[in-house]
Amino acid sequence: MKIYESRLVAGLLLEEVTAEKWKNAIEIENILQKTSINTAKRQAALLKSRLQKLNREGWQLVHGGSKPVATQVAFAAAIAHSNLLADFLDIAVRDRFRTSHRTLSRNNWETFVAGCHERDAEMSDWSSSTVNKLGDTVFQILSEVGLLSDGKTTMLQPVAYERAVLDMLKRGGYDHVIRCMQVFY
């Protein structure tokens, strides 16, 4: 979820920088410390797009909160930004918890994506490399937030979300995001 980089982007959002100052920070100052300008621009745009799904209070928590708080708010932002991630959590991961199947494999991801095509006939076909890359990202996010254990067998585990995170989401009306985060209930 790029917490270090998310903190920097949240800081720019909080400062309400102009497009010129944004470009300067990302491309000239290279605040994200990327080896290529294109990588910095792409990553900054993604993080900005994610964070803009939240309110100013969310940006403040990412920017200045503890690492667990910043991580959990970045997770919430990723859910708000990506219907695919939200649906995977709400459908596939919730089902794994509900049925007491605590392992989560790449097969679960691939089955979920195939099910997306069944639920939405207009969904474009993705190459297997795209499905795999998206799966890598989703599993990394779940691991970073603590929903997946480390190790050879990835086991689902509940996460104790910080009160400040849940309160911010409730006040902001992010009920769907909370539901997706709390798939273990």
C-alpha atoms as a PDB file:
ATOM      1  CA  MET A   1       0.000   0.000   0.000  1.00  0.00           C
ATOM      2  CA  LYS A   2       3.089   2.193  -0.015  1.00  0.00           C
ATOM      3  CA  ILE A   3       2.574   3.737   3.426  1.00  0.00           C
ATOM      4  CA  TYR A   4       5.655   5.970   3.292  1.00  0.00           C
ATOM      5  CA  GLU A   5       4.620   7.310  -0.100  1.00  0.00           C
ATOM      6  CA  SER A   6       0.962   7.571   0.967  1.00  0.00           C
ATOM      7  CA  ARG A   7       2.003   9.757   3.906  1.00  0.00           C
ATOM      8  CA  LEU A   8       3.797  12.127   1.523  1.00  0.00           C
ATOM      9  CA  VAL A   9       0.882  12.268  -0.902  1.00  0.00           C
ATOM     10  CA  ALA A  10      -1.544  12.843   1.981  1.00  0.00           C
ATOM     11  CA  GLY A  11       0.650  15.743   3.081  1.00  0.00           C
ATOM     12  CA  LEU A  12       0.387  17.312  -0.370  1.00  0.00           C
ATOM     13  CA  LEU A  13      -3.390  16.854  -0.329  1.00  0.00           C
ATOM     14  CA  LEU A  14      -3.603  18.462   3.101  1.00  0.00           C
ATOM     15  CA  GLU A  15      -1.567  21.431   1.836  1.00  0.00           C
ATOM     16  CA  GLU A  16      -3.925  21.713  -1.154  1.00  0.00           C
ATOM     17  CA  VAL A  17      -0.939  22.254  -3.439  1.00  0.00           C
ATOM     18  CA  THR A  18      -1.430  23.620  -6.931  1.00  0.00           C
ATOM     19  CA  ALA A  19      -0.873  21.426  -9.983  1.00  0.00           C
ATOM     20  CA  GLU A  20       2.465  23.176 -10.459  1.00  0.00           C
ATOM     21  CA  LYS A  21       3.594  22.475  -6.880  1.00  0.00           C
ATOM     22  CA  TRP A  22       2.362  18.860  -7.200  1.00  0.00           C
ATOM     23  CA  LYS A  23       4.435  18.394 -10.360  1.00  0.00           C
ATOM     24  CA  ASN A  24       7.460  20.005  -8.719  1.00  0.00           C
ATOM     25  CA  ALA A  25       7.194  17.795  -5.617  1.00  0.00           C
ATOM     26  CA  ILE A  26       6.764  14.570  -7.590  1.00  0.00           C
ATOM     27  CA  GLU A  27       8.940  15.164 -10.651  1.00  0.00           C
ATOM     28  CA  ILE A  28      11.616  17.665  -9.603  1.00  0.00           C
ATOM     29  CA  GLU A  29      12.070  17.137  -5.856  1.00  0.00           C
ATOM     30  CA  ASN A  30      11.284  13.430  -6.309  1.00  0.00           C
ATOM     31  CA  ILE A  31       9.769  13.223  -2.818  1.00  0.00           C
ATOM     32  CA  LEU A  32       8.716   9.615  -3.473  1.00  0.00           C
ATOM     33  CA  GLN A  33      12.370   8.751  -4.166  1.00  0.00           C
ATOM     34  CA  LYS A  34      11.704   6.750  -7.316  1.00  0.00           C
ATOM     35  CA  THR A  35      14.384   5.946  -9.866  1.00  0.00           C
ATOM     36  CA  SER A  36      12.272   7.140 -12.797  1.00  0.00           C
ATOM     37  CA  ILE A  37      10.009  10.132 -13.193  1.00  0.00           C
ATOM     38  CA  ASN A  38       7.377   7.977 -14.887  1.00  0.00           C
ATOM     39  CA  THR A  39       7.288   5.600 -11.913  1.00  0.00           C
ATOM     40  CA  ALA A  40       6.989   8.539  -9.512  1.00  0.00           C
ATOM     41  CA  LYS A  41       4.185  10.108 -11.563  1.00  0.00           C
ATOM     42  CA  ARG A  42       2.294   6.815 -11.910  1.00  0.00           C
ATOM     43  CA  GLN A  43       2.599   5.932  -8.232  1.00  0.00           C
ATOM     44  CA  ALA A  44       1.715   9.447  -7.062  1.00  0.00           C
ATOM     45  CA  ALA A  45      -1.348   9.493  -9.312  1.00  0.00           C
ATOM     46  CA  LEU A  46      -2.545   6.123  -7.983  1.00  0.00           C
ATOM     47  CA  LEU A  47      -2.033   7.103  -4.346  1.00  0.00           C
ATOM     48  CA  LYS A  48      -3.686  10.483  -4.880  1.00  0.00           C
ATOM     49  CA  SER A  49      -6.641   8.806  -6.579  1.00  0.00           C
ATOM     50  CA  ARG A  50      -6.991   6.358  -3.686  1.00  0.00           C
ATOM     51  CA  LEU A  51      -6.665   8.959  -0.964  1.00  0.00           C
ATOM     52  CA  GLN A  52      -9.094  11.327  -2.635  1.00  0.00           C
ATOM     53  CA  LYS A  53     -11.795   8.721  -1.992  1.00  0.00           C
ATOM     54  CA  LEU A  54     -11.467   9.662   1.682  1.00  0.00           C
ATOM     55  CA  ASN A  55     -12.054  12.899   3.513  1.00  0.00           C
ATOM     56  CA  ARG A  56      -9.551  15.320   5.007  1.00  0.00           C
ATOM     57  CA  GLU A  57      -9.665  13.487   8.341  1.00  0.00           C
ATOM     58  CA  GLY A  58      -8.546  10.336   6.556  1.00  0.00           C
ATOM     59  CA  TRP A  59      -5.646  12.206   4.968  1.00  0.00           C
ATOM     60  CA  GLN A  60      -4.631  13.496   8.396  1.00  0.00           C
ATOM     61  CA  LEU A  61      -4.611   9.952   9.796  1.00  0.00           C
ATOM     62  CA  VAL A  62      -2.474   8.687   6.924  1.00  0.00           C
ATOM     63  CA  HIS A  63      -0.121  11.644   7.128  1.00  0.00           C
ATOM     64  CA  GLY A  64       0.395  11.801  10.886  1.00  0.00           C
ATOM     65  CA  GLY A  65      -1.062   8.653  12.384  1.00  0.00           C
ATOM     66  CA  SER A  66       0.851   5.719  13.785  1.00  0.00           C
ATOM     67  CA  LYS A  67       1.912   3.056  11.303  1.00  0.00           C
ATOM     68  CA  PRO A  68      -1.073   0.792  12.133  1.00  0.00           C
ATOM     69  CA  VAL A  69      -3.488   3.713  11.767  1.00  0.00           C
ATOM     70  CA  ALA A  70      -1.921   4.902   8.503  1.00  0.00           C
ATOM     71  CA  THR A  71      -1.923   1.346   7.137  1.00  0.00           C
ATOM     72  CA  GLN A  72      -5.555   0.754   8.015  1.00  0.00           C
ATOM     73  CA  VAL A  73      -6.677   4.078   6.545  1.00  0.00           C
ATOM     74  CA  ALA A  74      -4.672   3.366   3.369  1.00  0.00           C
ATOM     75  CA  PHE A  75      -6.463  -0.010   3.246  1.00  0.00           C
ATOM     76  CA  ALA A  76      -9.806   1.765   3.558  1.00  0.00           C
ATOM     77  CA  ALA A  77      -8.789   4.122   0.749  1.00  0.00           C
ATOM     78  CA  ALA A  78      -7.804   1.172  -1.458  1.00  0.00           C
ATOM     79  CA  ILE A  79     -11.210  -0.437  -0.839  1.00  0.00           C
ATOM     80  CA  ALA A  80     -13.043   2.811  -1.602  1.00  0.00           C
ATOM     81  CA  HIS A  81     -10.967   3.208  -4.772  1.00  0.00           C
ATOM     82  CA  SER A  82     -11.235  -0.334  -6.126  1.00  0.00           C
ATOM     83  CA  ASN A  83     -14.567  -2.095  -6.612  1.00  0.00           C
ATOM     84  CA  LEU A  84     -12.599  -5.220  -7.479  1.00  0.00           C
ATOM     85  CA  LEU A  85     -10.826  -5.246  -4.100  1.00  0.00           C
ATOM     86  CA  ALA A  86     -14.053  -4.362  -2.277  1.00  0.00           C
ATOM     87  CA  ASP A  87     -15.973  -7.149  -4.011  1.00  0.00           C
ATOM     88  CA  PHE A  88     -13.201  -9.694  -3.443  1.00  0.00           C
ATOM     89  CA  LEU A  89     -13.300  -8.921   0.271  1.00  0.00           C
ATOM     90  CA  ASP A  90     -17.077  -8.786   0.499  1.00  0.00           C
ATOM     91  CA  ILE A  91     -17.719 -11.912  -1.564  1.00  0.00           C
ATOM     92  CA  ALA A  92     -14.748 -14.275  -1.541  1.00  0.00           C
ATOM     93  CA  VAL A  93     -12.911 -13.438   1.674  1.00  0.00           C
ATOM     94  CA  ARG A  94     -16.110 -13.059   3.706  1.00  0.00           C
ATOM     95  CA  ASP A  95     -17.218 -16.476   2.429  1.00  0.00           C
ATOM     96  CA  ARG A  96     -13.915 -18.019   3.539  1.00  0.00           C
ATOM     97  CA  PHE A  97     -14.416 -16.639   7.066  1.00  0.00           C
ATOM     98  CA  ARG A  98     -18.107 -17.587   7.149  1.00  0.00           C
ATOM     99  CA  THR A  99     -17.377 -21.191   6.187  1.00  0.00           C
ATOM    100  CA  SER A 100     -14.360 -21.408   8.528  1.00  0.00           C
ATOM    101  CA  HIS A 101     -11.992 -22.021   5.624  1.00  0.00           C
ATOM    102  CA  ARG A 102      -9.093 -19.915   6.786  1.00  0.00           C
ATOM    103  CA  THR A 103      -6.723 -20.534   3.891  1.00  0.00           C
ATOM    104  CA  LEU A 104      -6.764 -18.113   0.980  1.00  0.00           C
ATOM    105  CA  SER A 105      -5.064 -19.223  -2.196  1.00  0.00           C
ATOM    106  CA  ARG A 106      -4.478 -17.816  -5.635  1.00  0.00           C
ATOM    107  CA  ASN A 107      -7.118 -20.280  -6.804  1.00  0.00           C
ATOM    108  CA  ASN A 108      -9.659 -18.356  -4.693  1.00  0.00           C
ATOM    109  CA  TRP A 109      -8.618 -15.179  -6.514  1.00  0.00           C
ATOM    110  CA  GLU A 110      -8.865 -16.779  -9.952  1.00  0.00           C
ATOM    111  CA  THR A 111     -12.275 -18.261  -9.122  1.00  0.00           C
ATOM    112  CA  PHE A 112     -13.451 -14.861  -7.936  1.00  0.00           C
ATOM    113  CA  VAL A 113     -12.298 -13.144 -11.146  1.00  0.00           C
ATOM    114  CA  ALA A 114     -14.026 -15.824 -13.243  1.00  0.00           C
ATOM    115  CA  GLY A 115     -17.168 -15.199 -11.188  1.00  0.00           C
ATOM    116  CA  CYS A 116     -16.907 -11.491 -11.963  1.00  0.00           C
ATOM    117  CA  HIS A 117     -17.295 -12.344 -15.638  1.00  0.00           C
ATOM    118  CA  GLU A 118     -20.390 -14.383 -14.812  1.00  0.00           C
ATOM    119  CA  ARG A 119     -21.886 -11.518 -12.752  1.00  0.00           C
ATOM    120  CA  ASP A 120     -21.024  -8.880 -15.367  1.00  0.00           C
ATOM    121  CA  ALA A 121     -21.106 -10.092 -18.957  1.00  0.00           C
ATOM    122  CA  GLU A 122     -19.727  -6.729 -20.140  1.00  0.00           C
ATOM    123  CA  MET A 123     -16.559  -7.056 -18.081  1.00  0.00           C
ATOM    124  CA  SER A 124     -13.553  -7.093 -20.369  1.00  0.00           C
ATOM    125  CA  ASP A 125     -11.452 -10.228 -20.611  1.00  0.00           C
ATOM    126  CA  TRP A 126      -8.114  -9.985 -18.871  1.00  0.00           C
ATOM    127  CA  SER A 127      -4.988 -11.871 -19.774  1.00  0.00           C
ATOM    128  CA  SER A 128      -3.723 -14.353 -17.222  1.00  0.00           C
ATOM    129  CA  SER A 129      -0.753 -12.048 -16.555  1.00  0.00           C
ATOM    130  CA  THR A 130      -3.151  -9.192 -15.682  1.00  0.00           C
ATOM    131  CA  VAL A 131      -5.167 -11.463 -13.381  1.00  0.00           C
ATOM    132  CA  ASN A 132      -1.935 -12.617 -11.729  1.00  0.00           C
ATOM    133  CA  LYS A 133      -0.575  -9.087 -11.312  1.00  0.00           C
ATOM    134  CA  LEU A 134      -3.839  -7.862  -9.800  1.00  0.00           C
ATOM    135  CA  GLY A 135      -3.836 -10.914  -7.538  1.00  0.00           C
ATOM    136  CA  ASP A 136      -0.292 -10.108  -6.405  1.00  0.00           C
ATOM    137  CA  THR A 137      -1.412  -6.596  -5.477  1.00  0.00           C
ATOM    138  CA  VAL A 138      -4.534  -7.754  -3.643  1.00  0.00           C
ATOM    139  CA  PHE A 139      -2.674 -10.412  -1.654  1.00  0.00           C
ATOM    140  CA  GLN A 140       0.056  -7.903  -0.785  1.00  0.00           C
ATOM    141  CA  ILE A 141      -2.552  -5.431   0.491  1.00  0.00           C
ATOM    142  CA  LEU A 142      -4.268  -8.123   2.577  1.00  0.00           C
ATOM    143  CA  SER A 143      -0.922  -9.168   4.007  1.00  0.00           C
ATOM    144  CA  GLU A 144       0.132  -5.605   4.859  1.00  0.00           C
ATOM    145  CA  VAL A 145      -3.088  -4.890   6.730  1.00  0.00           C
ATOM    146  CA  GLY A 146      -2.826  -8.202   8.598  1.00  0.00           C
ATOM    147  CA  LEU A 147      -5.765 -10.107   7.106  1.00  0.00           C
ATOM    148  CA  LEU A 148      -3.328 -12.687   5.725  1.00  0.00           C
ATOM    149  CA  SER A 149      -0.666 -14.346   7.813  1.00  0.00           C
ATOM    150  CA  ASP A 150       2.921 -14.532   6.676  1.00  0.00           C
ATOM    151  CA  GLY A 151       4.277 -17.867   5.602  1.00  0.00           C
ATOM    152  CA  LYS A 152       3.980 -20.496   2.958  1.00  0.00           C
ATOM    153  CA  THR A 153       0.284 -21.117   3.614  1.00  0.00           C
ATOM    154  CA  THR A 154      -1.588 -17.851   3.706  1.00  0.00           C
ATOM    155  CA  MET A 155      -4.127 -18.003   6.498  1.00  0.00           C
ATOM    156  CA  LEU A 156      -6.888 -15.489   7.000  1.00  0.00           C
ATOM    157  CA  GLN A 157      -6.992 -13.833  10.397  1.00  0.00           C
ATOM    158  CA  PRO A 158      -9.158 -11.116  11.935  1.00  0.00           C
ATOM    159  CA  VAL A 159      -7.725  -7.620  12.282  1.00  0.00           C
ATOM    160  CA  ALA A 160      -8.210  -5.415  15.329  1.00  0.00           C
ATOM    161  CA  TYR A 161      -8.870  -2.095  13.641  1.00  0.00           C
ATOM    162  CA  GLU A 162      -7.861   1.055  15.473  1.00  0.00           C
ATOM    163  CA  ARG A 163     -10.772   2.983  16.988  1.00  0.00           C
ATOM    164  CA  ALA A 164      -9.618   6.222  15.296  1.00  0.00           C
ATOM    165  CA  VAL A 165      -9.871   4.527  11.893  1.00  0.00           C
ATOM    166  CA  LEU A 166     -13.343   3.085  12.445  1.00  0.00           C
ATOM    167  CA  ASP A 167     -14.600   6.352  13.952  1.00  0.00           C
ATOM    168  CA  MET A 168     -13.333   8.367  10.983  1.00  0.00           C
ATOM    169  CA  LEU A 169     -14.981   5.955   8.558  1.00  0.00           C
ATOM    170  CA  LYS A 170     -18.283   6.032  10.464  1.00  0.00           C
ATOM    171  CA  ARG A 171     -18.323   9.827  10.636  1.00  0.00           C
ATOM    172  CA  GLY A 172     -17.529  10.008   6.927  1.00  0.00           C
ATOM    173  CA  GLY A 173     -20.332   7.636   5.930  1.00  0.00           C
ATOM    174  CA  TYR A 174     -18.005   4.941   4.605  1.00  0.00           C
ATOM    175  CA  ASP A 175     -20.291   2.099   5.694  1.00  0.00           C
ATOM    176  CA  HIS A 176     -19.524  -0.082   2.660  1.00  0.00           C
ATOM    177  CA  VAL A 177     -15.781   0.273   3.299  1.00  0.00           C
ATOM    178  CA  ILE A 178     -16.254  -0.735   6.945  1.00  0.00           C
ATOM    179  CA  ARG A 179     -18.287  -3.750   5.851  1.00  0.00           C
ATOM    180  CA  CYS A 180     -15.538  -4.842   3.468  1.00  0.00           C
ATOM    181  CA  MET A 181     -12.840  -4.337   6.098  1.00  0.00           C
ATOM    182  CA  GLN A 182     -14.732  -6.392   8.673  1.00  0.00           C
ATOM    183  CA  VAL A 183     -15.188  -9.537   6.616  1.00  0.00           C
ATOM    184  CA  PHE A 184     -14.533 -11.731   9.632  1.00  0.00           C
ATOM    185  CA  TYR A 185     -17.815 -10.806  11.373  1.00  0.00           C
END
